[in-house]
């Protein structure tokens, strides 16, 4: 009788422990669906990915992607403005469920958070007028290319450009943009976000991508050990690509089609 009571007590304790453990290990996706809200970190200081519009509301590619995920999950999207410095800490401290903020993937970041599939292109490239016939570095021979002094793309271009290329260096991105729009140069190197800003300012000189110098696409950040949420967001990204929604976002905000093979 004593043994039976001890055994029953052990069963009750084991059941209580398993119930507690199951509750403690509930995944973020389950909590999101139960609460019917997903909190997503987004930028508001980096157009065209995220900025404050004339209506004082966030707008941009990352904003639209965040809203798309909320719609696909059937929950309300709560946007949380973050900076480059605090976006990962916000995720780790569970202030947000996801980070959609032009987040690049590297080994150091992969140690602390997980990443979905890429959802948007982000790259450094050579851009120019559609009439300029350039598709690889060798074809820059004898040409003048605008660049921002000290920028990573300027350094990378210097490594691959033919010896007779003239790199006309400007002191900041605004000066490089102004030089291209005003016709001082017909080719320049920069990030695709800068090219999108130019296309928005001057349709007549909307830059055409000639070739990519360095590719660093945008990924969505997810906390470690959240396989259900990671898988579901990847499904949404794949659906957006297949349906043409990703192409639409690129055309709307980056003023360019998705690059080949994206």
Protein backbone atom coordinates (compact mmCIF):
# COMPACT_ATOMS: atom_id res chain seq x y z
CA UNK A 1 0.00 0.00 0.00
CA UNK A 2 2.82 2.39 0.93
CA UNK A 3 4.68 1.55 -2.28
CA UNK A 4 1.50 2.17 -4.31
CA UNK A 5 1.00 5.59 -2.70
CA UNK A 6 4.62 6.52 -3.30
CA UNK A 7 4.31 5.42 -6.93
CA UNK A 8 1.10 7.44 -7.37
CA UNK A 9 2.78 10.50 -5.85
CA UNK A 10 5.68 10.08 -8.25
CA UNK A 11 3.27 9.95 -11.20
CA UNK A 12 1.51 13.10 -10.07
CA UNK A 13 4.83 14.87 -9.63
CA UNK A 14 6.08 13.74 -13.03
CA UNK A 15 2.86 14.91 -14.69
CA UNK A 16 3.07 18.28 -12.98
CA UNK A 17 6.71 18.66 -14.02
CA UNK A 18 5.97 17.71 -17.64
CA UNK A 19 3.08 20.18 -17.71
CA UNK A 20 5.28 22.95 -16.35
CA UNK A 21 8.07 22.15 -18.81
CA UNK A 22 5.66 22.06 -21.72
CA UNK A 23 4.31 25.47 -20.77
CA UNK A 24 7.77 26.96 -20.31
CA UNK A 25 8.93 25.71 -23.71
CA UNK A 26 5.91 26.99 -25.62
CA UNK A 27 7.12 28.44 -28.89
CA UNK A 28 6.81 32.05 -29.98
CA UNK A 29 4.55 31.14 -32.90
CA UNK A 30 1.99 29.61 -30.53
CA UNK A 31 2.05 32.73 -28.34
CA UNK A 32 1.69 35.01 -31.39
CA UNK A 33 -1.31 33.12 -32.72
CA UNK A 34 -2.92 33.03 -29.26
CA UNK A 35 -2.39 36.76 -28.67
CA UNK A 36 -3.34 37.56 -32.29
CA UNK A 37 -0.50 40.08 -32.53
CA UNK A 38 3.09 39.94 -33.76
CA UNK A 39 5.66 42.54 -32.73
CA UNK A 40 8.17 43.28 -35.46
CA UNK A 41 11.23 45.53 -35.24
CA UNK A 42 11.57 47.84 -38.26
CA UNK A 43 13.74 50.81 -39.27
CA UNK A 44 12.34 54.32 -39.56
CA UNK A 45 15.56 56.11 -40.53
CA UNK A 46 16.71 54.22 -43.61
CA UNK A 47 14.64 54.85 -46.75
CA UNK A 48 13.49 53.13 -48.88
CA UNK A 49 13.47 50.22 -46.41
CA UNK A 50 11.94 52.20 -43.58
CA UNK A 51 11.13 55.86 -42.97
CA UNK A 52 8.43 58.14 -41.62
CA UNK A 53 6.07 59.30 -44.37
CA UNK A 54 4.28 62.61 -44.78
CA UNK A 55 1.38 61.14 -42.81
CA UNK A 56 3.81 60.49 -39.92
CA UNK A 57 3.41 56.74 -40.37
CA UNK A 58 6.23 54.25 -41.07
CA UNK A 59 6.61 53.28 -44.73
CA UNK A 60 9.06 51.30 -46.80
CA UNK A 61 9.95 47.84 -48.01
CA UNK A 62 10.62 46.47 -44.52
CA UNK A 63 7.36 47.96 -43.26
CA UNK A 64 5.37 46.30 -46.05
CA UNK A 65 7.13 42.98 -45.44
CA UNK A 66 6.25 43.15 -41.75
CA UNK A 67 2.62 43.82 -42.56
CA UNK A 68 2.60 40.98 -45.10
CA UNK A 69 3.75 38.52 -42.44
CA UNK A 70 1.03 39.69 -40.06
CA UNK A 71 -1.63 39.25 -42.75
CA UNK A 72 -0.41 35.78 -43.64
CA UNK A 73 -0.48 34.75 -39.98
CA UNK A 74 -3.92 36.30 -39.51
CA UNK A 75 -2.74 38.54 -36.67
CA UNK A 76 -2.27 42.26 -36.06
CA UNK A 77 1.21 43.63 -36.82
CA UNK A 78 2.69 45.86 -34.13
CA UNK A 79 5.62 47.83 -35.57
CA UNK A 80 8.47 48.66 -33.20
CA UNK A 81 10.99 51.27 -34.40
CA UNK A 82 14.61 50.24 -33.83
CA UNK A 83 18.10 51.41 -34.69
CA UNK A 84 20.95 49.35 -36.09
CA UNK A 85 22.45 49.16 -32.60
CA UNK A 86 19.42 47.92 -30.67
CA UNK A 87 17.58 45.73 -33.20
CA UNK A 88 19.23 42.44 -32.13
CA UNK A 89 19.05 43.21 -28.36
CA UNK A 90 15.33 43.93 -28.79
CA UNK A 91 14.89 40.47 -30.28
CA UNK A 92 16.97 38.69 -27.66
CA UNK A 93 15.12 40.42 -24.81
CA UNK A 94 11.78 39.39 -26.35
CA UNK A 95 10.63 42.96 -26.88
CA UNK A 96 9.89 41.88 -30.46
CA UNK A 97 9.18 38.56 -32.14
CA UNK A 98 11.03 39.29 -35.40
CA UNK A 99 13.53 41.80 -36.78
CA UNK A 100 12.94 43.11 -40.31
CA UNK A 101 15.50 45.89 -40.56
CA UNK A 102 17.93 45.44 -43.51
CA UNK A 103 19.61 42.79 -41.40
CA UNK A 104 22.62 41.13 -43.00
CA UNK A 105 23.80 37.66 -42.01
CA UNK A 106 27.30 36.97 -40.72
CA UNK A 107 28.95 34.31 -38.51
CA UNK A 108 28.95 36.47 -35.37
CA UNK A 109 25.24 37.21 -35.63
CA UNK A 110 24.45 33.57 -36.39
CA UNK A 111 25.85 32.66 -32.98
CA UNK A 112 23.13 34.61 -31.18
CA UNK A 113 20.07 34.59 -33.48
CA UNK A 114 18.68 32.62 -36.41
CA UNK A 115 17.93 33.91 -39.89
CA UNK A 116 15.17 33.19 -42.37
CA UNK A 117 15.65 33.00 -46.12
CA UNK A 118 16.50 36.32 -47.77
CA UNK A 119 13.45 38.52 -48.33
CA UNK A 120 14.97 41.52 -50.16
CA UNK A 121 18.10 42.31 -52.16
CA UNK A 122 20.78 44.49 -50.68
CA UNK A 123 24.00 44.90 -52.58
CA UNK A 124 26.71 47.21 -53.77
CA UNK A 125 26.93 47.59 -57.51
CA UNK A 126 27.78 49.72 -60.49
CA UNK A 127 24.83 51.69 -61.85
CA UNK A 128 24.35 54.01 -64.79
CA UNK A 129 22.14 55.25 -67.58
CA UNK A 130 20.38 52.53 -69.56
CA UNK A 131 22.25 53.71 -72.66
CA UNK A 132 25.63 52.88 -71.10
CA UNK A 133 26.69 49.42 -72.30
CA UNK A 134 28.42 47.93 -69.27
CA UNK A 135 27.81 44.52 -67.74
CA UNK A 136 31.18 43.60 -66.20
CA UNK A 137 34.21 45.40 -64.73
CA UNK A 138 36.34 45.11 -67.88
CA UNK A 139 33.81 47.18 -69.81
CA UNK A 140 34.48 50.17 -67.56
CA UNK A 141 37.78 50.62 -69.39
CA UNK A 142 38.33 54.28 -70.30
CA UNK A 143 35.18 55.42 -68.45
CA UNK A 144 34.61 57.71 -65.47
CA UNK A 145 32.80 56.30 -62.44
CA UNK A 146 31.45 58.34 -59.53
CA UNK A 147 31.95 57.01 -56.01
CA UNK A 148 31.76 58.13 -52.38
CA UNK A 149 35.24 58.52 -50.97
CA UNK A 150 36.12 55.81 -48.44
CA UNK A 151 32.87 53.87 -48.92
CA UNK A 152 33.15 50.10 -49.09
CA UNK A 153 31.89 50.02 -52.67
CA UNK A 154 34.55 52.55 -53.71
CA UNK A 155 37.24 50.34 -52.16
CA UNK A 156 35.86 47.20 -53.81
CA UNK A 157 35.61 48.90 -57.20
CA UNK A 158 39.24 50.00 -56.94
CA UNK A 159 40.24 46.33 -56.64
CA UNK A 160 38.44 45.13 -59.78
CA UNK A 161 38.39 48.12 -62.13
CA UNK A 162 40.75 48.26 -65.15
CA UNK A 163 43.80 50.49 -64.74
CA UNK A 164 42.46 53.15 -67.11
CA UNK A 165 39.20 53.74 -65.23
CA UNK A 166 38.82 57.21 -63.72
CA UNK A 167 37.15 57.03 -60.30
CA UNK A 168 35.76 60.45 -59.49
CA UNK A 169 35.44 60.55 -55.72
CA UNK A 170 32.90 62.64 -53.81
CA UNK A 171 32.89 63.39 -50.11
CA UNK A 172 29.53 61.81 -49.20
CA UNK A 173 26.56 59.95 -50.69
CA UNK A 174 24.59 63.16 -51.22
CA UNK A 175 27.40 64.58 -53.36
CA UNK A 176 27.62 61.35 -55.38
CA UNK A 177 23.87 61.37 -55.94
CA UNK A 178 23.92 65.04 -56.98
CA UNK A 179 26.81 64.41 -59.40
CA UNK A 180 24.91 61.64 -61.16
CA UNK A 181 21.58 63.47 -61.31
CA UNK A 182 23.24 66.62 -62.67
CA UNK A 183 25.08 64.66 -65.36
CA UNK A 184 28.62 65.12 -64.05
CA UNK A 185 28.96 61.33 -64.29
CA UNK A 186 26.83 58.75 -66.11
CA UNK A 187 28.09 55.79 -64.08
CA UNK A 188 28.50 55.46 -60.32
CA UNK A 189 28.98 52.82 -57.67
CA UNK A 190 26.83 52.61 -54.55
CA UNK A 191 24.33 50.48 -52.68
CA UNK A 192 20.99 49.61 -54.27
CA UNK A 193 19.19 51.68 -51.61
CA UNK A 194 20.99 54.81 -52.84
CA UNK A 195 20.15 53.91 -56.44
CA UNK A 196 16.49 53.68 -55.43
CA UNK A 197 16.62 57.18 -53.92
CA UNK A 198 18.03 58.52 -57.19
CA UNK A 199 15.29 56.81 -59.22
CA UNK A 200 12.72 58.41 -56.94
CA UNK A 201 14.23 61.88 -57.34
CA UNK A 202 14.93 61.79 -61.07
CA UNK A 203 12.94 59.49 -63.33
CA UNK A 204 14.83 60.80 -66.37
CA UNK A 205 18.10 59.52 -64.95
CA UNK A 206 16.81 56.45 -63.14
CA UNK A 207 19.91 54.27 -62.72
CA UNK A 208 20.17 50.84 -64.30
CA UNK A 209 22.12 48.10 -62.51
CA UNK A 210 25.17 47.14 -64.56
CA UNK A 211 26.70 44.53 -62.28
CA UNK A 212 26.93 43.60 -58.60
CA UNK A 213 30.17 44.21 -56.72
CA UNK A 214 29.22 42.68 -53.39
CA UNK A 215 25.98 40.94 -52.43
CA UNK A 216 24.56 41.11 -48.91
CA UNK A 217 20.79 40.42 -49.00
CA UNK A 218 18.39 41.21 -46.18
CA UNK A 219 17.24 38.47 -43.81
CA UNK A 220 14.64 38.36 -41.04
CA UNK A 221 16.03 37.78 -37.56
CA UNK A 222 14.41 35.13 -35.32
CA UNK A 223 15.36 34.09 -31.81
CA UNK A 224 17.25 30.84 -31.35
CA UNK A 225 15.21 27.68 -30.71
CA UNK A 226 12.06 28.89 -32.45
CA UNK A 227 11.83 26.34 -35.31
CA UNK A 228 8.07 26.69 -35.81
CA UNK A 229 8.21 30.47 -36.22
CA UNK A 230 11.29 30.23 -38.44
CA UNK A 231 9.65 27.65 -40.69
CA UNK A 232 6.38 29.58 -40.94
CA UNK A 233 8.12 32.84 -41.89
CA UNK A 234 10.17 30.98 -44.49
CA UNK A 235 6.91 29.65 -45.96
CA UNK A 236 5.58 33.21 -46.19
CA UNK A 237 8.76 34.43 -47.91
CA UNK A 238 8.61 31.55 -50.41
CA UNK A 239 4.96 32.31 -51.14
CA UNK A 240 5.76 36.00 -51.68
CA UNK A 241 8.43 35.09 -54.21
CA UNK A 242 6.19 32.63 -56.05
CA UNK A 243 3.23 35.02 -56.18
CA UNK A 244 5.26 37.97 -57.42
CA UNK A 245 4.74 39.94 -54.19
CA UNK A 246 8.51 40.14 -53.59
CA UNK A 247 9.00 41.47 -57.12
CA UNK A 248 6.29 44.06 -56.49
CA UNK A 249 7.97 45.23 -53.28
CA UNK A 250 11.30 45.56 -55.09
CA UNK A 251 9.78 47.54 -57.95
CA UNK A 252 7.83 49.78 -55.58
CA UNK A 253 10.58 50.62 -53.12
CA UNK A 254 13.89 49.85 -54.83
CA UNK A 255 12.70 51.01 -58.26
CA UNK A 256 14.26 47.89 -59.80
CA UNK A 257 13.43 44.24 -60.45
CA UNK A 258 14.81 41.54 -58.20
CA UNK A 259 18.34 40.68 -59.33
CA UNK A 260 18.83 37.46 -61.35
CA UNK A 261 18.93 34.37 -59.17
CA UNK A 262 17.48 36.08 -56.10
